[in-house]
PDB file of N, CA and C in Angstrom:
ATOM      1  N   UNK A   1     -18.380  41.332 -86.651  1.00  0.00           N
ATOM      2  CA  UNK A   1     -18.941  41.456 -85.294  1.00  0.00           C
ATOM      3  C   UNK A   1     -18.501  40.262 -84.442  1.00  0.00           C
ATOM      4  N   UNK A   2     -18.413  39.127 -85.088  1.00  0.00           N
ATOM      5  CA  UNK A   2     -18.000  37.916 -84.355  1.00  0.00           C
ATOM      6  C   UNK A   2     -16.583  38.084 -83.810  1.00  0.00           C
ATOM      7  N   UNK A   3     -15.772  38.844 -84.530  1.00  0.00           N
ATOM      8  CA  UNK A   3     -14.384  39.047 -84.108  1.00  0.00           C
ATOM      9  C   UNK A   3     -14.304  39.906 -82.856  1.00  0.00           C
ATOM     10  N   UNK A   4     -15.226  40.824 -82.708  1.00  0.00           N
ATOM     11  CA  UNK A   4     -15.196  41.721 -81.546  1.00  0.00           C
ATOM     12  C   UNK A   4     -15.243  40.944 -80.228  1.00  0.00           C
ATOM     13  N   UNK A   5     -16.254  40.088 -80.022  1.00  0.00           N
ATOM     14  CA  UNK A   5     -16.339  39.325 -78.770  1.00  0.00           C
ATOM     15  C   UNK A   5     -15.159  38.372 -78.622  1.00  0.00           C
ATOM     16  N   UNK A   6     -14.663  37.852 -79.741  1.00  0.00           N
ATOM     17  CA  UNK A   6     -13.533  36.930 -79.712  1.00  0.00           C
ATOM     18  C   UNK A   6     -12.300  37.642 -79.172  1.00  0.00           C
ATOM     19  N   UNK A   7     -12.037  38.851 -79.652  1.00  0.00           N
ATOM     20  CA  UNK A   7     -10.876  39.629 -79.197  1.00  0.00           C
ATOM     21  C   UNK A   7     -11.014  39.940 -77.712  1.00  0.00           C
ATOM     22  N   UNK A   8     -12.215  40.271 -77.305  1.00  0.00           N
ATOM     23  CA  UNK A   8     -12.451  40.611 -75.905  1.00  0.00           C
ATOM     24  C   UNK A   8     -12.116  39.408 -75.016  1.00  0.00           C
ATOM     25  N   UNK A   9     -12.517  38.231 -75.448  1.00  0.00           N
ATOM     26  CA  UNK A   9     -12.251  37.025 -74.670  1.00  0.00           C
ATOM     27  C   UNK A   9     -10.749  36.784 -74.603  1.00  0.00           C
ATOM     28  N   UNK A  10     -10.069  36.980 -75.721  1.00  0.00           N
ATOM     29  CA  UNK A  10      -8.611  36.774 -75.761  1.00  0.00           C
ATOM     30  C   UNK A  10      -7.919  37.798 -74.870  1.00  0.00           C
ATOM     31  N   UNK A  11      -8.395  39.019 -74.911  1.00  0.00           N
ATOM     32  CA  UNK A  11      -7.807  40.079 -74.087  1.00  0.00           C
ATOM     33  C   UNK A  11      -7.921  39.719 -72.613  1.00  0.00           C
ATOM     34  N   UNK A  12      -9.055  39.141 -72.245  1.00  0.00           N
ATOM     35  CA  UNK A  12      -9.269  38.749 -70.856  1.00  0.00           C
ATOM     36  C   UNK A  12      -8.319  37.625 -70.471  1.00  0.00           C
ATOM     37  N   UNK A  13      -8.036  36.746 -71.425  1.00  0.00           N
ATOM     38  CA  UNK A  13      -7.165  35.606 -71.159  1.00  0.00           C
ATOM     39  C   UNK A  13      -5.707  36.050 -71.103  1.00  0.00           C
ATOM     40  N   UNK A  14      -5.307  36.881 -72.060  1.00  0.00           N
ATOM     41  CA  UNK A  14      -3.907  37.316 -72.116  1.00  0.00           C
ATOM     42  C   UNK A  14      -3.790  38.792 -71.735  1.00  0.00           C
ATOM     43  N   UNK A  15      -3.011  39.088 -70.711  1.00  0.00           N
ATOM     44  CA  UNK A  15      -2.839  40.473 -70.282  1.00  0.00           C
ATOM     45  C   UNK A  15      -2.123  41.282 -71.348  1.00  0.00           C
ATOM     46  N   UNK A  16      -1.069  40.710 -71.922  1.00  0.00           N
ATOM     47  CA  UNK A  16      -0.296  41.418 -72.940  1.00  0.00           C
ATOM     48  C   UNK A  16      -1.180  41.744 -74.138  1.00  0.00           C
ATOM     49  N   UNK A  17      -1.939  40.748 -74.589  1.00  0.00           N
ATOM     50  CA  UNK A  17      -2.813  40.949 -75.741  1.00  0.00           C
ATOM     51  C   UNK A  17      -3.864  42.008 -75.419  1.00  0.00           C
ATOM     52  N   UNK A  18      -4.431  41.930 -74.217  1.00  0.00           N
ATOM     53  CA  UNK A  18      -5.455  42.886 -73.815  1.00  0.00           C
ATOM     54  C   UNK A  18      -4.918  44.306 -73.808  1.00  0.00           C
ATOM     55  N   UNK A  19      -3.679  44.464 -73.324  1.00  0.00           N
ATOM     56  CA  UNK A  19      -3.074  45.795 -73.258  1.00  0.00           C
ATOM     57  C   UNK A  19      -2.940  46.381 -74.665  1.00  0.00           C
ATOM     58  N   UNK A  20      -2.498  45.558 -75.601  1.00  0.00           N
ATOM     59  CA  UNK A  20      -2.324  46.021 -76.969  1.00  0.00           C
ATOM     60  C   UNK A  20      -3.681  46.411 -77.573  1.00  0.00           C
ATOM     61  N   UNK A  21      -4.682  45.577 -77.314  1.00  0.00           N
ATOM     62  CA  UNK A  21      -6.018  45.844 -77.834  1.00  0.00           C
ATOM     63  C   UNK A  21      -6.554  47.144 -77.239  1.00  0.00           C
ATOM     64  N   UNK A  22      -6.293  47.346 -75.973  1.00  0.00           N
ATOM     65  CA  UNK A  22      -6.778  48.545 -75.285  1.00  0.00           C
ATOM     66  C   UNK A  22      -6.133  49.792 -75.902  1.00  0.00           C
ATOM     67  N   UNK A  23      -4.872  49.683 -76.266  1.00  0.00           N
ATOM     68  CA  UNK A  23      -4.167  50.814 -76.881  1.00  0.00           C
ATOM     69  C   UNK A  23      -4.838  51.198 -78.207  1.00  0.00           C
ATOM     70  N   UNK A  24      -5.204  50.170 -78.969  1.00  0.00           N
ATOM     71  CA  UNK A  24      -5.834  50.411 -80.268  1.00  0.00           C
ATOM     72  C   UNK A  24      -7.216  51.036 -80.086  1.00  0.00           C
ATOM     73  N   UNK A  25      -7.955  50.535 -79.091  1.00  0.00           N
ATOM     74  CA  UNK A  25      -9.306  51.051 -78.842  1.00  0.00           C
ATOM     75  C   UNK A  25      -9.458  51.476 -77.383  1.00  0.00           C
ATOM     76  N   UNK A  26      -9.112  52.722 -77.066  1.00  0.00           N
ATOM     77  CA  UNK A  26      -9.230  53.219 -75.688  1.00  0.00           C
ATOM     78  C   UNK A  26     -10.680  53.227 -75.219  1.00  0.00           C
ATOM     79  N   UNK A  27     -10.941  52.503 -74.129  1.00  0.00           N
ATOM     80  CA  UNK A  27     -12.307  52.470 -73.611  1.00  0.00           C
ATOM     81  C   UNK A  27     -13.222  51.649 -74.508  1.00  0.00           C
ATOM     82  N   UNK A  28     -12.617  50.838 -75.367  1.00  0.00           N
ATOM     83  CA  UNK A  28     -13.430  50.018 -76.271  1.00  0.00           C
ATOM     84  C   UNK A  28     -13.921  48.761 -75.576  1.00  0.00           C
ATOM     85  N   UNK A  29     -12.983  48.028 -74.984  1.00  0.00           N
ATOM     86  CA  UNK A  29     -13.348  46.779 -74.313  1.00  0.00           C
ATOM     87  C   UNK A  29     -13.310  46.944 -72.800  1.00  0.00           C
ATOM     88  N   UNK A  30     -12.641  47.989 -72.338  1.00  0.00           N
ATOM     89  CA  UNK A  30     -12.572  48.178 -70.894  1.00  0.00           C
ATOM     90  C   UNK A  30     -11.140  48.229 -70.458  1.00  0.00           C
TER      91      UNK A  30
END
């Protein structure tokens, strides 16, 4: 669970990382 918020923060910081995360989880983080 701790990893979830951590990834979200990283996604917000890095656009490229966020895009990849979004692909893995559509509508997961936003």
